[in-house]
Amino acid sequence: MTIIQRMAVRRLVRETRGAEIAEAAAVLPIMFMMLLGIFWFGQAFSIYGALTRAAQDGARAGSLPYCATCNGNNTLSAYATNAANAVQNDLLASKLNPSLAQYPSPQPSLISCSTSASVTCSAGASTQFCIQAPIQLTNTGLGATGLCGISVSMRYPYRFWLPFTSINQQTIWISASARVKMETR
């Protein structure tokens, strides 16, 4: 190498004008992935909030002794139908598809108020939402009566889109449940 070539190489080594571009090329993909992650986790949290609110509203609607088509004969199926309708309306208002909701897995194991048997999900009201009534809300001793209530629970699928990660295109199940005391008036 000649002296002129050596001087040119030294000048290039000391030059820093292109360093910002190289640094940006290294940092921008990481920043982009962080922003995508914040967006998709925010979406999942928003869906969780909508599901929780729907379960709460469903349990509240199912706890009220009102049935427009029962002619004064309020049965447990009427309570479950009221709960299922309220959950479905809330999910539609949140722009979520109610047909994607499913029973929680495993189903909640709750004790009946009238017997000490386990209460199963009410399949007559909805095949997507697990509605259990009447259930014991308080833990009482043998022979003692506690508060009776209704439980609404469900799970909803959510698919992340986060490229170049292990959770890309993975479906997670977001669960929500609510329990409310049955009203008597």
Protein backbone atom coordinates (compact mmCIF):
# COMPACT_ATOMS: atom_id res chain seq x y z
CA MET A 1 0.00 0.00 0.00
CA THR A 2 1.15 3.43 -0.79
CA ILE A 3 1.19 6.31 1.59
CA ILE A 4 -1.84 7.88 -0.08
CA GLN A 5 -3.82 4.66 0.26
CA ARG A 6 -2.89 4.36 3.94
CA MET A 7 -3.99 7.94 4.59
CA ALA A 8 -7.31 7.25 2.84
CA VAL A 9 -7.89 4.12 4.97
CA ARG A 10 -7.10 6.03 8.18
CA ARG A 11 -9.49 8.80 7.17
CA LEU A 12 -12.28 6.24 6.55
CA VAL A 13 -11.66 4.55 9.90
CA ARG A 14 -11.94 7.89 11.72
CA GLU A 15 -15.01 9.00 9.76
CA THR A 16 -18.31 8.83 11.74
CA ARG A 17 -20.85 10.27 9.30
CA GLY A 18 -22.50 6.90 8.55
CA ALA A 19 -22.62 5.73 12.19
CA GLU A 20 -26.11 7.12 12.78
CA ILE A 21 -27.52 5.11 9.89
CA ALA A 22 -25.92 1.90 11.15
CA GLU A 23 -27.20 2.52 14.68
CA ALA A 24 -30.71 3.27 13.41
CA ALA A 25 -30.67 0.09 11.32
CA ALA A 26 -29.83 -1.88 14.48
CA VAL A 27 -32.34 -0.16 16.82
CA LEU A 28 -35.42 0.42 14.63
CA PRO A 29 -36.44 -3.26 14.27
CA ILE A 30 -36.27 -3.69 18.04
CA MET A 31 -38.35 -0.53 18.57
CA PHE A 32 -40.88 -1.71 15.98
CA MET A 33 -41.23 -5.09 17.73
CA MET A 34 -41.75 -3.35 21.08
CA LEU A 35 -44.48 -1.14 19.62
CA LEU A 36 -46.20 -4.14 18.04
CA GLY A 37 -46.03 -6.00 21.36
CA ILE A 38 -47.55 -3.06 23.22
CA PHE A 39 -50.37 -2.88 20.67
CA TRP A 40 -51.21 -6.61 20.72
CA PHE A 41 -51.00 -6.96 24.50
CA GLY A 42 -53.19 -3.84 24.77
CA GLN A 43 -55.75 -5.50 22.50
CA ALA A 44 -55.71 -8.62 24.68
CA PHE A 45 -56.20 -6.50 27.81
CA SER A 46 -59.09 -4.66 26.15
CA ILE A 47 -60.78 -7.97 25.31
CA TYR A 48 -60.24 -9.15 28.89
CA GLY A 49 -61.96 -6.00 30.17
CA ALA A 50 -64.89 -6.47 27.79
CA LEU A 51 -65.29 -10.14 28.79
CA THR A 52 -65.15 -9.32 32.49
CA ARG A 53 -67.75 -6.58 32.09
CA ALA A 54 -69.99 -8.92 30.05
CA ALA A 55 -69.73 -11.63 32.73
CA GLN A 56 -70.58 -9.08 35.45
CA ASP A 57 -73.57 -7.74 33.52
CA GLY A 58 -74.74 -11.27 32.74
CA ALA A 59 -74.53 -12.33 36.37
CA ARG A 60 -76.38 -9.18 37.43
CA ALA A 61 -79.13 -9.73 34.82
CA GLY A 62 -79.41 -13.38 35.81
CA SER A 63 -79.77 -12.54 39.49
CA LEU A 64 -82.90 -10.45 39.00
CA PRO A 65 -86.27 -12.20 39.24
CA TYR A 66 -87.59 -10.96 35.92
CA CYS A 67 -88.86 -12.93 32.96
CA ALA A 68 -91.09 -11.23 30.38
CA THR A 69 -92.43 -14.50 28.95
CA CYS A 70 -92.81 -16.50 32.18
CA ASN A 71 -96.24 -15.10 33.24
CA GLY A 72 -95.08 -14.66 36.82
CA ASN A 73 -93.45 -18.09 36.99
CA ASN A 74 -89.73 -17.28 37.27
CA THR A 75 -87.72 -20.46 36.85
CA LEU A 76 -83.97 -21.05 36.90
CA SER A 77 -83.97 -21.34 33.11
CA ALA A 78 -85.43 -17.83 32.94
CA TYR A 79 -82.58 -16.51 35.08
CA ALA A 80 -80.05 -18.28 32.86
CA THR A 81 -81.71 -16.94 29.69
CA ASN A 82 -81.58 -13.39 31.07
CA ALA A 83 -77.90 -13.84 31.90
CA ALA A 84 -77.05 -15.29 28.48
CA ASN A 85 -78.88 -12.46 26.68
CA ALA A 86 -77.05 -9.81 28.70
CA VAL A 87 -73.64 -11.40 28.03
CA GLN A 88 -74.39 -11.68 24.32
CA ASN A 89 -75.53 -8.05 24.11
CA ASP A 90 -72.39 -6.85 25.93
CA LEU A 91 -70.10 -8.85 23.66
CA LEU A 92 -71.84 -7.48 20.56
CA ALA A 93 -71.54 -3.93 21.94
CA SER A 94 -67.79 -4.54 22.43
CA LYS A 95 -67.53 -5.75 18.81
CA LEU A 96 -66.68 -9.29 19.93
CA ASN A 97 -68.24 -12.33 18.28
CA PRO A 98 -70.37 -14.15 20.92
CA SER A 99 -70.22 -17.40 18.93
CA LEU A 100 -66.45 -17.60 19.59
CA ALA A 101 -66.96 -17.69 23.37
CA GLN A 102 -66.78 -21.12 24.98
CA TYR A 103 -67.36 -22.83 28.30
CA PRO A 104 -64.31 -22.49 30.54
CA SER A 105 -62.08 -25.52 30.66
CA PRO A 106 -62.29 -27.05 33.22
CA GLN A 107 -65.80 -26.01 34.18
CA PRO A 108 -66.10 -24.31 37.58
CA SER A 109 -66.97 -26.70 40.39
CA LEU A 110 -69.57 -24.83 42.43
CA ILE A 111 -71.90 -26.17 45.13
CA SER A 112 -75.69 -25.86 44.90
CA CYS A 113 -77.65 -23.91 47.51
CA SER A 114 -80.40 -26.50 47.83
CA THR A 115 -78.25 -29.64 47.78
CA SER A 116 -74.60 -30.24 48.45
CA ALA A 117 -74.15 -31.45 44.87
CA SER A 118 -72.10 -29.73 42.22
CA VAL A 119 -73.94 -27.40 39.82
CA THR A 120 -73.30 -27.91 36.10
CA CYS A 121 -73.43 -25.27 33.40
CA SER A 122 -76.92 -24.48 32.13
CA ALA A 123 -76.88 -25.74 28.53
CA GLY A 124 -80.43 -24.59 27.84
CA ALA A 125 -79.62 -20.88 28.01
CA SER A 126 -76.39 -20.81 26.05
CA THR A 127 -73.81 -23.16 24.66
CA GLN A 128 -71.06 -20.53 24.87
CA PHE A 129 -71.41 -19.19 28.41
CA CYS A 130 -71.31 -21.27 31.59
CA ILE A 131 -74.23 -20.10 33.73
CA GLN A 132 -74.59 -21.84 37.11
CA ALA A 133 -77.45 -21.16 39.52
CA PRO A 134 -78.28 -21.35 42.36
CA ILE A 135 -74.81 -21.61 43.86
CA GLN A 136 -73.45 -21.04 47.36
CA LEU A 137 -71.54 -17.79 47.58
CA THR A 138 -70.51 -18.18 51.21
CA ASN A 139 -68.78 -21.12 52.79
CA THR A 140 -71.06 -22.34 55.55
CA GLY A 141 -70.98 -25.32 57.84
CA LEU A 142 -73.13 -28.41 57.49
CA GLY A 143 -76.83 -27.67 57.61
CA ALA A 144 -76.33 -23.90 57.61
CA THR A 145 -77.67 -21.76 54.80
CA GLY A 146 -75.61 -19.06 53.22
CA LEU A 147 -76.00 -16.62 50.39
CA CYS A 148 -77.26 -18.06 47.11
CA GLY A 149 -76.17 -16.61 43.82
CA ILE A 150 -75.46 -17.07 40.14
CA SER A 151 -72.16 -17.53 38.34
CA VAL A 152 -71.34 -16.60 34.73
CA SER A 153 -68.03 -17.69 33.23
CA MET A 154 -66.56 -18.03 29.75
CA ARG A 155 -63.37 -17.99 27.75
CA TYR A 156 -62.60 -16.25 24.45
CA PRO A 157 -59.84 -16.95 21.90
CA TYR A 158 -57.27 -14.31 21.02
CA ARG A 159 -54.54 -14.65 18.41
CA PHE A 160 -51.35 -12.62 18.61
CA TRP A 161 -49.55 -11.39 15.52
CA LEU A 162 -46.00 -10.75 16.66
CA PRO A 163 -43.55 -11.84 13.93
CA PHE A 164 -40.18 -13.39 14.75
CA THR A 165 -41.32 -14.42 18.25
CA SER A 166 -42.48 -17.66 19.79
CA ILE A 167 -46.01 -16.30 20.35
CA ASN A 168 -46.63 -15.38 16.70
CA GLN A 169 -49.99 -16.74 15.53
CA GLN A 170 -50.52 -18.46 18.90
CA THR A 171 -54.06 -18.57 20.23
CA ILE A 172 -54.48 -17.80 23.91
CA TRP A 173 -57.72 -18.17 25.84
CA ILE A 174 -58.83 -15.16 27.84
CA SER A 175 -61.12 -16.18 30.72
CA ALA A 176 -63.63 -14.16 32.70
CA SER A 177 -66.14 -14.96 35.42
CA ALA A 178 -68.48 -13.19 37.80
CA ARG A 179 -70.71 -14.19 40.72
CA VAL A 180 -73.63 -12.22 42.06
CA LYS A 181 -76.13 -12.76 44.92
CA MET A 182 -79.62 -13.79 43.74
CA GLU A 183 -82.26 -11.11 44.30
CA THR A 184 -85.56 -12.14 45.85
CA ARG A 185 -87.85 -9.23 45.05
